N, C-alpha and C. Protein backbone atom coordinates (compact mmCIF):
# COMPACT_ATOMS: atom_id res chain seq x y z
N MET A 1 81.96 84.14 96.39
CA MET A 1 80.97 84.63 97.34
C MET A 1 80.16 83.51 97.98
N GLU A 2 80.15 82.35 97.34
CA GLU A 2 79.40 81.23 97.93
C GLU A 2 80.00 80.83 99.28
N ARG A 3 81.33 80.83 99.38
CA ARG A 3 81.96 80.52 100.66
C ARG A 3 81.62 81.57 101.70
N ALA A 4 81.53 82.83 101.29
CA ALA A 4 81.19 83.91 102.22
C ALA A 4 79.75 83.74 102.72
N ARG A 5 78.86 83.37 101.82
CA ARG A 5 77.46 83.13 102.24
C ARG A 5 77.38 81.94 103.18
N ALA A 6 78.07 80.87 102.84
CA ALA A 6 78.05 79.66 103.68
C ALA A 6 78.62 79.95 105.06
N ALA A 7 79.56 80.87 105.13
CA ALA A 7 80.17 81.23 106.42
C ALA A 7 79.34 82.25 107.18
N GLY A 8 78.21 82.69 106.61
CA GLY A 8 77.34 83.65 107.28
C GLY A 8 77.80 85.08 107.22
N LEU A 9 78.69 85.40 106.26
CA LEU A 9 79.20 86.77 106.16
C LEU A 9 78.25 87.73 105.45
N VAL A 10 77.37 87.20 104.61
CA VAL A 10 76.48 88.07 103.83
C VAL A 10 75.14 88.18 104.53
N ASP A 11 74.79 89.39 104.95
CA ASP A 11 73.57 89.64 105.70
C ASP A 11 72.36 89.75 104.76
N PRO A 12 71.13 89.74 105.31
CA PRO A 12 69.92 89.76 104.47
C PRO A 12 69.72 91.04 103.67
N ALA A 13 70.17 92.18 104.17
CA ALA A 13 70.02 93.46 103.45
C ALA A 13 71.40 94.11 103.33
N PRO A 14 72.25 93.60 102.44
CA PRO A 14 73.65 94.04 102.40
C PRO A 14 73.80 95.51 102.01
N VAL A 15 74.75 96.16 102.66
CA VAL A 15 75.08 97.56 102.38
C VAL A 15 76.48 97.60 101.77
N ALA A 16 76.61 98.38 100.68
CA ALA A 16 77.89 98.55 100.00
C ALA A 16 78.43 99.94 100.29
N ALA A 17 79.73 100.04 100.53
CA ALA A 17 80.40 101.34 100.65
C ALA A 17 81.42 101.43 99.52
N VAL A 18 81.30 102.47 98.71
CA VAL A 18 82.18 102.63 97.55
C VAL A 18 83.20 103.72 97.86
N ASP A 19 84.47 103.42 97.62
CA ASP A 19 85.52 104.42 97.84
C ASP A 19 86.74 104.01 97.03
N ALA A 20 87.74 104.89 97.02
CA ALA A 20 88.99 104.61 96.31
C ALA A 20 90.17 104.88 97.23
N THR A 21 91.26 104.19 96.97
CA THR A 21 92.48 104.41 97.73
C THR A 21 93.67 104.36 96.78
N GLY A 22 94.72 105.05 97.16
CA GLY A 22 95.94 105.01 96.38
C GLY A 22 96.97 104.11 97.05
N LEU A 23 97.82 103.52 96.23
CA LEU A 23 98.90 102.70 96.75
C LEU A 23 100.22 103.25 96.24
N GLU A 24 101.30 102.77 96.82
CA GLU A 24 102.62 103.26 96.46
C GLU A 24 103.25 102.35 95.41
N THR A 25 104.20 102.90 94.68
CA THR A 25 104.90 102.10 93.68
C THR A 25 106.29 101.71 94.14
N ARG A 26 106.70 102.17 95.29
CA ARG A 26 108.00 101.79 95.82
C ARG A 26 107.94 101.84 97.35
N HIS A 27 108.77 101.04 97.97
CA HIS A 27 108.86 101.06 99.43
C HIS A 27 109.70 102.26 99.85
N MET A 28 109.13 103.08 100.73
CA MET A 28 109.83 104.29 101.17
C MET A 28 109.33 104.62 102.57
N SER A 29 110.22 105.03 103.43
CA SER A 29 109.81 105.35 104.79
C SER A 29 108.93 106.60 104.80
N ALA A 30 108.03 106.68 105.77
CA ALA A 30 107.15 107.84 105.90
C ALA A 30 107.97 109.11 106.11
N TYR A 31 109.08 108.99 106.88
CA TYR A 31 109.93 110.15 107.15
C TYR A 31 110.54 110.69 105.85
N PHE A 32 111.07 109.78 105.02
CA PHE A 32 111.65 110.21 103.75
C PHE A 32 110.59 110.85 102.86
N GLY A 33 109.39 110.28 102.87
CA GLY A 33 108.30 110.84 102.07
C GLY A 33 107.96 112.26 102.49
N LEU A 34 107.94 112.52 103.80
CA LEU A 34 107.65 113.87 104.29
C LEU A 34 108.75 114.85 103.90
N ARG A 35 110.01 114.41 104.01
CA ARG A 35 111.13 115.28 103.62
C ARG A 35 111.07 115.59 102.14
N ARG A 36 110.74 114.60 101.33
CA ARG A 36 110.72 114.79 99.88
C ARG A 36 109.57 115.68 99.46
N ALA A 37 108.45 115.63 100.21
CA ALA A 37 107.27 116.43 99.85
C ALA A 37 107.57 117.92 99.85
N GLY A 38 108.45 118.36 100.72
CA GLY A 38 108.77 119.78 100.78
C GLY A 38 109.91 120.19 99.87
N SER A 39 110.38 119.28 99.03
CA SER A 39 111.55 119.57 98.19
C SER A 39 111.20 120.16 96.84
N GLY A 40 109.92 120.35 96.56
CA GLY A 40 109.51 120.86 95.26
C GLY A 40 109.41 119.78 94.20
N HIS A 41 109.60 118.53 94.59
CA HIS A 41 109.50 117.41 93.65
C HIS A 41 108.04 117.18 93.27
N ARG A 42 107.77 117.06 91.99
CA ARG A 42 106.39 116.83 91.52
C ARG A 42 105.89 115.46 91.95
N GLN A 43 104.63 115.43 92.33
CA GLN A 43 104.03 114.16 92.70
C GLN A 43 103.73 113.36 91.44
N ARG A 44 104.13 112.11 91.43
CA ARG A 44 103.91 111.26 90.27
C ARG A 44 102.56 110.56 90.38
N ALA A 45 102.20 109.88 89.29
CA ALA A 45 100.98 109.06 89.30
C ALA A 45 101.18 107.87 90.24
N TRP A 46 100.08 107.35 90.75
CA TRP A 46 100.15 106.20 91.64
C TRP A 46 99.05 105.21 91.28
N PRO A 47 99.21 103.94 91.64
CA PRO A 47 98.16 102.96 91.43
C PRO A 47 96.96 103.30 92.30
N LYS A 48 95.78 103.14 91.75
CA LYS A 48 94.55 103.50 92.45
C LYS A 48 93.59 102.32 92.39
N LEU A 49 92.92 102.06 93.49
CA LEU A 49 91.94 100.98 93.55
C LEU A 49 90.60 101.54 93.99
N THR A 50 89.58 101.42 93.13
CA THR A 50 88.21 101.76 93.50
C THR A 50 87.54 100.46 93.91
N ALA A 51 86.93 100.45 95.09
CA ALA A 51 86.37 99.21 95.63
C ALA A 51 84.95 99.39 96.13
N VAL A 52 84.17 98.33 95.97
CA VAL A 52 82.85 98.22 96.59
C VAL A 52 83.03 97.26 97.75
N VAL A 53 82.89 97.79 98.96
CA VAL A 53 83.13 97.02 100.18
C VAL A 53 81.80 96.64 100.81
N HIS A 54 81.63 95.35 101.11
CA HIS A 54 80.45 94.89 101.85
C HIS A 54 80.64 95.30 103.31
N VAL A 55 79.77 96.18 103.79
CA VAL A 55 79.94 96.83 105.09
C VAL A 55 80.03 95.82 106.24
N ALA A 56 79.20 94.80 106.23
CA ALA A 56 79.15 93.87 107.37
C ALA A 56 80.39 93.00 107.49
N SER A 57 81.07 92.71 106.38
CA SER A 57 82.19 91.76 106.41
C SER A 57 83.54 92.35 106.01
N HIS A 58 83.52 93.51 105.35
CA HIS A 58 84.71 94.14 104.78
C HIS A 58 85.29 93.38 103.58
N LEU A 59 84.49 92.47 103.01
CA LEU A 59 84.87 91.83 101.75
C LEU A 59 84.86 92.88 100.64
N ILE A 60 85.82 92.81 99.74
CA ILE A 60 85.82 93.67 98.56
C ILE A 60 85.10 92.92 97.45
N VAL A 61 83.92 93.40 97.09
CA VAL A 61 83.04 92.68 96.17
C VAL A 61 83.19 93.17 94.73
N GLY A 62 83.56 94.42 94.56
CA GLY A 62 83.82 94.98 93.23
C GLY A 62 85.12 95.76 93.30
N ALA A 63 85.95 95.65 92.27
CA ALA A 63 87.24 96.33 92.29
C ALA A 63 87.63 96.78 90.89
N VAL A 64 87.99 98.05 90.78
CA VAL A 64 88.44 98.61 89.50
C VAL A 64 89.81 99.23 89.71
N PRO A 65 90.87 98.63 89.13
CA PRO A 65 92.19 99.23 89.25
C PRO A 65 92.33 100.40 88.28
N GLY A 66 93.13 101.37 88.67
CA GLY A 66 93.34 102.53 87.81
C GLY A 66 94.60 103.25 88.21
N VAL A 67 94.71 104.50 87.75
CA VAL A 67 95.88 105.33 88.04
C VAL A 67 95.39 106.67 88.57
N GLY A 68 95.97 107.12 89.67
CA GLY A 68 95.65 108.43 90.22
C GLY A 68 96.80 109.39 90.00
N PRO A 69 96.58 110.66 90.19
CA PRO A 69 95.32 111.28 90.60
C PRO A 69 94.33 111.34 89.44
N SER A 70 93.08 111.02 89.75
CA SER A 70 92.02 111.06 88.75
C SER A 70 90.68 111.18 89.46
N GLN A 71 89.65 111.58 88.72
CA GLN A 71 88.32 111.67 89.31
C GLN A 71 87.83 110.30 89.73
N ASP A 72 87.10 110.25 90.82
CA ASP A 72 86.60 108.98 91.34
C ASP A 72 85.36 108.49 90.59
N SER A 73 84.48 109.39 90.23
CA SER A 73 83.15 109.03 89.73
C SER A 73 83.13 108.06 88.55
N PRO A 74 84.01 108.18 87.55
CA PRO A 74 83.92 107.25 86.41
C PRO A 74 84.08 105.78 86.77
N ASP A 75 84.73 105.47 87.89
CA ASP A 75 84.93 104.07 88.28
C ASP A 75 83.76 103.50 89.06
N PHE A 76 82.80 104.34 89.43
CA PHE A 76 81.66 103.88 90.23
C PHE A 76 80.84 102.84 89.46
N ILE A 77 80.51 103.14 88.22
CA ILE A 77 79.62 102.25 87.45
C ILE A 77 80.24 100.87 87.22
N PRO A 78 81.49 100.76 86.71
CA PRO A 78 82.02 99.40 86.53
C PRO A 78 82.19 98.64 87.85
N ALA A 79 82.54 99.35 88.93
CA ALA A 79 82.71 98.68 90.22
C ALA A 79 81.38 98.16 90.75
N MET A 80 80.33 98.97 90.65
CA MET A 80 79.01 98.54 91.15
C MET A 80 78.42 97.43 90.28
N ARG A 81 78.61 97.51 88.97
CA ARG A 81 78.11 96.43 88.10
C ARG A 81 78.78 95.10 88.45
N GLN A 82 80.08 95.15 88.69
CA GLN A 82 80.82 93.96 89.07
C GLN A 82 80.30 93.41 90.40
N ALA A 83 80.11 94.29 91.38
CA ALA A 83 79.66 93.87 92.71
C ALA A 83 78.25 93.28 92.68
N ALA A 84 77.38 93.88 91.87
CA ALA A 84 75.97 93.44 91.81
C ALA A 84 75.84 92.03 91.23
N LYS A 85 76.83 91.57 90.50
CA LYS A 85 76.80 90.20 89.98
C LYS A 85 77.04 89.18 91.09
N LEU A 86 77.63 89.63 92.20
CA LEU A 86 77.99 88.72 93.28
C LEU A 86 77.05 88.81 94.48
N ILE A 87 76.59 90.03 94.79
CA ILE A 87 75.70 90.24 95.94
C ILE A 87 74.58 91.17 95.51
N ALA A 88 73.35 90.83 95.88
CA ALA A 88 72.20 91.72 95.63
C ALA A 88 72.14 92.74 96.75
N PHE A 89 72.81 93.86 96.56
CA PHE A 89 72.88 94.88 97.60
C PHE A 89 71.55 95.59 97.78
N ASP A 90 71.28 95.98 99.01
CA ASP A 90 70.09 96.75 99.35
C ASP A 90 70.38 98.25 99.25
N THR A 91 71.59 98.66 99.68
CA THR A 91 71.94 100.07 99.80
C THR A 91 73.39 100.28 99.36
N ALA A 92 73.65 101.43 98.73
CA ALA A 92 75.01 101.82 98.38
C ALA A 92 75.32 103.18 99.00
N LEU A 93 76.51 103.31 99.58
CA LEU A 93 76.97 104.54 100.20
C LEU A 93 78.23 105.02 99.48
N ALA A 94 78.33 106.33 99.26
CA ALA A 94 79.54 106.87 98.62
C ALA A 94 79.69 108.34 98.99
N ASP A 95 80.93 108.83 98.95
CA ASP A 95 81.17 110.22 99.28
C ASP A 95 80.90 111.13 98.09
N ALA A 96 81.13 112.43 98.28
CA ALA A 96 80.76 113.43 97.29
C ALA A 96 81.54 113.31 95.99
N GLY A 97 82.63 112.56 95.98
CA GLY A 97 83.37 112.33 94.74
C GLY A 97 82.58 111.53 93.72
N TYR A 98 81.51 110.87 94.17
CA TYR A 98 80.67 110.05 93.29
C TYR A 98 79.30 110.68 93.06
N ASP A 99 79.15 111.95 93.42
CA ASP A 99 77.86 112.63 93.31
C ASP A 99 77.49 112.88 91.85
N ALA A 100 76.57 112.07 91.34
CA ALA A 100 76.06 112.22 89.98
C ALA A 100 74.75 111.45 89.89
N GLU A 101 73.76 112.02 89.26
CA GLU A 101 72.46 111.37 89.15
C GLU A 101 72.56 110.03 88.44
N HIS A 102 73.45 109.91 87.44
CA HIS A 102 73.54 108.63 86.72
C HIS A 102 74.05 107.50 87.62
N ASN A 103 74.82 107.82 88.67
CA ASN A 103 75.24 106.78 89.61
C ASN A 103 74.05 106.29 90.44
N HIS A 104 73.18 107.20 90.84
CA HIS A 104 71.94 106.79 91.53
C HIS A 104 71.07 105.94 90.62
N ARG A 105 70.90 106.40 89.37
CA ARG A 105 70.02 105.68 88.44
C ARG A 105 70.54 104.27 88.16
N LEU A 106 71.85 104.14 88.01
CA LEU A 106 72.42 102.81 87.80
C LEU A 106 72.01 101.87 88.93
N CYS A 107 72.25 102.33 90.17
CA CYS A 107 71.97 101.48 91.34
C CYS A 107 70.49 101.20 91.51
N ARG A 108 69.69 102.24 91.42
CA ARG A 108 68.26 102.09 91.73
C ARG A 108 67.47 101.48 90.58
N ASP A 109 67.66 102.01 89.37
CA ASP A 109 66.82 101.61 88.25
C ASP A 109 67.34 100.37 87.51
N GLU A 110 68.66 100.23 87.44
CA GLU A 110 69.22 99.10 86.69
C GLU A 110 69.58 97.92 87.58
N LEU A 111 70.22 98.19 88.72
CA LEU A 111 70.69 97.10 89.57
C LEU A 111 69.71 96.72 90.68
N GLY A 112 68.66 97.51 90.88
CA GLY A 112 67.60 97.15 91.82
C GLY A 112 67.87 97.43 93.28
N LEU A 113 68.82 98.31 93.60
CA LEU A 113 69.05 98.67 94.99
C LEU A 113 67.89 99.51 95.51
N ARG A 114 67.58 99.36 96.78
CA ARG A 114 66.47 100.12 97.38
C ARG A 114 66.88 101.54 97.71
N ARG A 115 68.14 101.74 98.12
CA ARG A 115 68.59 103.08 98.53
C ARG A 115 69.99 103.36 98.00
N THR A 116 70.23 104.63 97.72
CA THR A 116 71.58 105.11 97.44
C THR A 116 71.78 106.37 98.28
N VAL A 117 72.88 106.42 99.00
CA VAL A 117 73.21 107.58 99.80
C VAL A 117 74.59 108.06 99.36
N ILE A 118 74.58 109.03 98.46
CA ILE A 118 75.81 109.61 97.94
C ILE A 118 75.81 111.08 98.35
N ALA A 119 76.83 111.48 99.09
CA ALA A 119 76.88 112.86 99.59
C ALA A 119 76.83 113.84 98.42
N LEU A 120 76.08 114.92 98.62
CA LEU A 120 75.98 115.95 97.58
C LEU A 120 77.24 116.79 97.57
N ASN A 121 77.78 116.99 96.39
CA ASN A 121 78.99 117.81 96.23
C ASN A 121 78.56 119.27 96.12
N PRO A 122 78.99 120.14 97.04
CA PRO A 122 78.58 121.54 97.00
C PRO A 122 78.91 122.24 95.69
N ARG A 123 79.97 121.77 95.00
CA ARG A 123 80.32 122.39 93.72
C ARG A 123 79.27 122.10 92.65
N ASN A 124 78.52 121.00 92.83
CA ASN A 124 77.48 120.65 91.86
C ASN A 124 76.13 121.27 92.19
N THR A 125 75.94 121.67 93.44
CA THR A 125 74.62 122.14 93.86
C THR A 125 74.59 123.59 94.31
N GLY A 126 75.68 124.07 94.90
CA GLY A 126 75.66 125.40 95.50
C GLY A 126 74.69 125.40 96.67
N ASP A 127 73.84 126.42 96.73
CA ASP A 127 72.86 126.47 97.83
C ASP A 127 71.45 126.23 97.32
N ARG A 128 71.32 125.60 96.15
CA ARG A 128 70.01 125.31 95.58
C ARG A 128 69.73 123.82 95.56
N SER A 129 68.47 123.48 95.65
CA SER A 129 68.07 122.07 95.57
C SER A 129 68.36 121.53 94.17
N PRO A 130 68.96 120.33 94.08
CA PRO A 130 69.23 119.75 92.76
C PRO A 130 67.94 119.51 91.97
N LYS A 131 68.05 119.53 90.65
CA LYS A 131 66.88 119.31 89.79
C LYS A 131 66.56 117.82 89.63
N GLU A 132 67.60 116.98 89.70
CA GLU A 132 67.41 115.55 89.47
C GLU A 132 66.73 114.89 90.68
N ALA A 133 65.91 113.88 90.42
CA ALA A 133 65.03 113.30 91.45
C ALA A 133 65.80 112.69 92.62
N TYR A 134 66.75 111.80 92.36
CA TYR A 134 67.43 111.10 93.45
C TYR A 134 68.30 112.05 94.27
N ARG A 135 68.99 112.96 93.60
CA ARG A 135 69.82 113.93 94.31
C ARG A 135 68.95 114.91 95.10
N ARG A 136 67.82 115.30 94.54
CA ARG A 136 66.91 116.22 95.24
C ARG A 136 66.35 115.58 96.51
N ALA A 137 66.05 114.29 96.45
CA ALA A 137 65.53 113.59 97.63
C ALA A 137 66.55 113.61 98.77
N LEU A 138 67.84 113.49 98.44
CA LEU A 138 68.87 113.56 99.47
C LEU A 138 69.03 114.96 100.03
N TRP A 139 68.82 115.96 99.20
CA TRP A 139 68.90 117.36 99.64
C TRP A 139 67.87 117.60 100.74
N GLY A 140 66.69 117.05 100.57
CA GLY A 140 65.61 117.29 101.53
C GLY A 140 65.71 116.46 102.80
N ASP A 141 66.29 115.26 102.70
CA ASP A 141 66.30 114.36 103.86
C ASP A 141 67.52 113.44 103.76
N PHE A 142 68.68 113.95 104.17
CA PHE A 142 69.92 113.17 104.06
C PHE A 142 70.06 112.26 105.27
N PRO A 143 70.15 110.92 105.06
CA PRO A 143 70.24 109.98 106.18
C PRO A 143 71.68 109.88 106.72
N ALA A 144 72.03 110.83 107.56
CA ALA A 144 73.42 110.96 108.02
C ALA A 144 73.91 109.72 108.76
N ALA A 145 73.06 109.12 109.60
CA ALA A 145 73.50 107.96 110.38
C ALA A 145 73.86 106.79 109.46
N LEU A 146 73.05 106.57 108.45
CA LEU A 146 73.33 105.51 107.48
C LEU A 146 74.59 105.83 106.69
N TYR A 147 74.71 107.08 106.25
CA TYR A 147 75.87 107.50 105.46
C TYR A 147 77.18 107.29 106.22
N HIS A 148 77.16 107.48 107.52
CA HIS A 148 78.39 107.37 108.29
C HIS A 148 78.92 105.93 108.39
N GLN A 149 78.13 104.95 107.93
CA GLN A 149 78.65 103.58 107.85
C GLN A 149 79.70 103.44 106.74
N ARG A 150 79.87 104.51 105.97
CA ARG A 150 80.85 104.51 104.89
C ARG A 150 82.28 104.30 105.41
N TRP A 151 82.49 104.54 106.70
CA TRP A 151 83.83 104.35 107.28
C TRP A 151 84.31 102.91 107.11
N HIS A 152 83.38 101.98 106.88
CA HIS A 152 83.78 100.58 106.70
C HIS A 152 84.69 100.41 105.49
N ALA A 153 84.51 101.24 104.47
CA ALA A 153 85.40 101.17 103.31
C ALA A 153 86.82 101.56 103.71
N GLU A 154 86.95 102.63 104.49
CA GLU A 154 88.28 103.05 104.96
C GLU A 154 88.90 101.97 105.84
N SER A 155 88.07 101.33 106.65
CA SER A 155 88.57 100.26 107.52
C SER A 155 89.07 99.07 106.69
N ALA A 156 88.33 98.73 105.64
CA ALA A 156 88.76 97.63 104.76
C ALA A 156 90.08 97.97 104.09
N PHE A 157 90.24 99.22 103.63
CA PHE A 157 91.51 99.62 103.02
C PHE A 157 92.65 99.55 104.03
N SER A 158 92.36 99.96 105.27
CA SER A 158 93.37 99.90 106.31
C SER A 158 93.80 98.46 106.58
N GLN A 159 92.83 97.55 106.68
CA GLN A 159 93.13 96.13 106.87
C GLN A 159 93.98 95.62 105.71
N HIS A 160 93.57 95.98 104.50
CA HIS A 160 94.25 95.55 103.28
C HIS A 160 95.72 95.95 103.31
N LYS A 161 95.98 97.21 103.65
CA LYS A 161 97.36 97.71 103.63
C LYS A 161 98.18 97.18 104.80
N ARG A 162 97.55 96.96 105.95
CA ARG A 162 98.28 96.39 107.07
C ARG A 162 98.75 94.97 106.76
N ARG A 163 97.87 94.19 106.13
CA ARG A 163 98.20 92.80 105.85
C ARG A 163 99.12 92.64 104.64
N LEU A 164 98.86 93.40 103.59
CA LEU A 164 99.55 93.19 102.32
C LEU A 164 100.56 94.28 101.98
N GLY A 165 100.62 95.31 102.82
CA GLY A 165 101.52 96.42 102.56
C GLY A 165 100.87 97.47 101.67
N SER A 166 101.44 98.66 101.67
CA SER A 166 100.85 99.75 100.89
C SER A 166 101.58 99.98 99.57
N ALA A 167 102.63 99.20 99.32
CA ALA A 167 103.40 99.37 98.09
C ALA A 167 103.28 98.13 97.21
N LEU A 168 103.09 98.36 95.91
CA LEU A 168 103.06 97.25 94.96
C LEU A 168 104.50 96.85 94.61
N THR A 169 104.65 95.62 94.15
CA THR A 169 105.99 95.13 93.80
C THR A 169 106.26 95.25 92.31
N THR A 170 105.22 95.40 91.50
CA THR A 170 105.38 95.48 90.05
C THR A 170 105.54 96.93 89.60
N ARG A 171 106.02 97.13 88.38
CA ARG A 171 106.29 98.48 87.90
C ARG A 171 105.37 98.91 86.76
N GLY A 172 105.15 98.07 85.77
CA GLY A 172 104.32 98.46 84.62
C GLY A 172 102.86 98.59 85.00
N GLU A 173 102.12 99.43 84.27
CA GLU A 173 100.71 99.67 84.60
C GLU A 173 99.88 98.40 84.51
N ASN A 174 100.06 97.60 83.45
CA ASN A 174 99.29 96.35 83.32
C ASN A 174 99.61 95.38 84.44
N ALA A 175 100.89 95.26 84.77
CA ALA A 175 101.30 94.37 85.86
C ALA A 175 100.74 94.85 87.19
N GLN A 176 100.70 96.16 87.40
CA GLN A 176 100.14 96.70 88.64
C GLN A 176 98.65 96.42 88.75
N GLN A 177 97.94 96.51 87.63
CA GLN A 177 96.51 96.21 87.66
C GLN A 177 96.27 94.74 88.00
N GLN A 178 97.11 93.85 87.45
CA GLN A 178 96.99 92.43 87.79
C GLN A 178 97.32 92.19 89.26
N GLU A 179 98.34 92.89 89.75
CA GLU A 179 98.70 92.73 91.16
C GLU A 179 97.58 93.23 92.08
N LEU A 180 96.93 94.34 91.71
CA LEU A 180 95.81 94.83 92.51
C LEU A 180 94.68 93.81 92.55
N ALA A 181 94.39 93.17 91.42
CA ALA A 181 93.34 92.14 91.39
C ALA A 181 93.71 90.97 92.30
N LEU A 182 94.96 90.54 92.26
CA LEU A 182 95.40 89.43 93.12
C LEU A 182 95.34 89.83 94.59
N ARG A 183 95.67 91.09 94.90
CA ARG A 183 95.59 91.56 96.28
C ARG A 183 94.15 91.54 96.80
N VAL A 184 93.20 91.90 95.94
CA VAL A 184 91.78 91.87 96.35
C VAL A 184 91.36 90.44 96.67
N ILE A 185 91.75 89.49 95.82
CA ILE A 185 91.42 88.07 96.07
C ILE A 185 92.04 87.63 97.40
N THR A 186 93.29 87.98 97.62
CA THR A 186 93.98 87.61 98.87
C THR A 186 93.29 88.23 100.08
N HIS A 187 92.93 89.52 99.96
CA HIS A 187 92.21 90.21 101.04
C HIS A 187 90.96 89.43 101.43
N ASN A 188 90.18 89.01 100.44
CA ASN A 188 88.93 88.30 100.72
C ASN A 188 89.19 86.91 101.30
N LEU A 189 90.19 86.21 100.79
CA LEU A 189 90.50 84.87 101.32
C LEU A 189 90.92 84.93 102.79
N VAL A 190 91.63 85.99 103.16
CA VAL A 190 92.06 86.14 104.56
C VAL A 190 90.86 86.32 105.48
N LEU A 191 89.81 86.97 104.99
CA LEU A 191 88.63 87.22 105.83
C LEU A 191 87.78 85.97 106.05
N LEU A 192 87.80 85.02 105.13
CA LEU A 192 86.90 83.88 105.23
C LEU A 192 87.11 83.00 106.46
N PRO A 193 88.32 82.63 106.83
CA PRO A 193 88.47 81.74 107.99
C PRO A 193 87.95 82.35 109.29
N ARG A 194 87.97 83.68 109.39
CA ARG A 194 87.52 84.32 110.63
C ARG A 194 86.02 84.15 110.86
N ALA A 195 85.28 83.73 109.83
CA ALA A 195 83.84 83.61 109.97
C ALA A 195 83.40 82.30 110.58
N LYS A 196 84.32 81.37 110.85
CA LYS A 196 83.95 80.05 111.38
C LYS A 196 83.43 80.15 112.79
């Protein structure tokens, strides 16, 4: 991150966007995938990457490899803890898959972020105001314009897959996790020269 700071990529009040993406385990054409989807074939597990993306630069600052399909929320805490060691974020944005009071508390009370904007999951709230303080504050005044900056995470994933491909080359779970970590490093290294 020192090179990123020296290149002027890290802004004074950094915003993090947290999201997850799935990758493929084999190279297959989109057409073949669509044909196979209607064949009754069960969908297998896939490599999953949960990432904390720095909104201004699209650097991946925190990354947790895993296996999907799985719930997103459990990977929020390790990804944010990892990211907070590198950048003192001001704000964190996440979709409703990460809606939990303990995710707000981690960011605000433990890591020192000023704001957390995590969309409220209707399954957790229904039509009533949440009881927990941070979630209740969002119920009353949700900052939609700020939340919509979350698209930067999707953009970073798109850049990542365009440059490095959407399929991993390794097969075993441990090897895939190592490959995902190397891909994140490569993604960030590619972004640095553009800051000159």
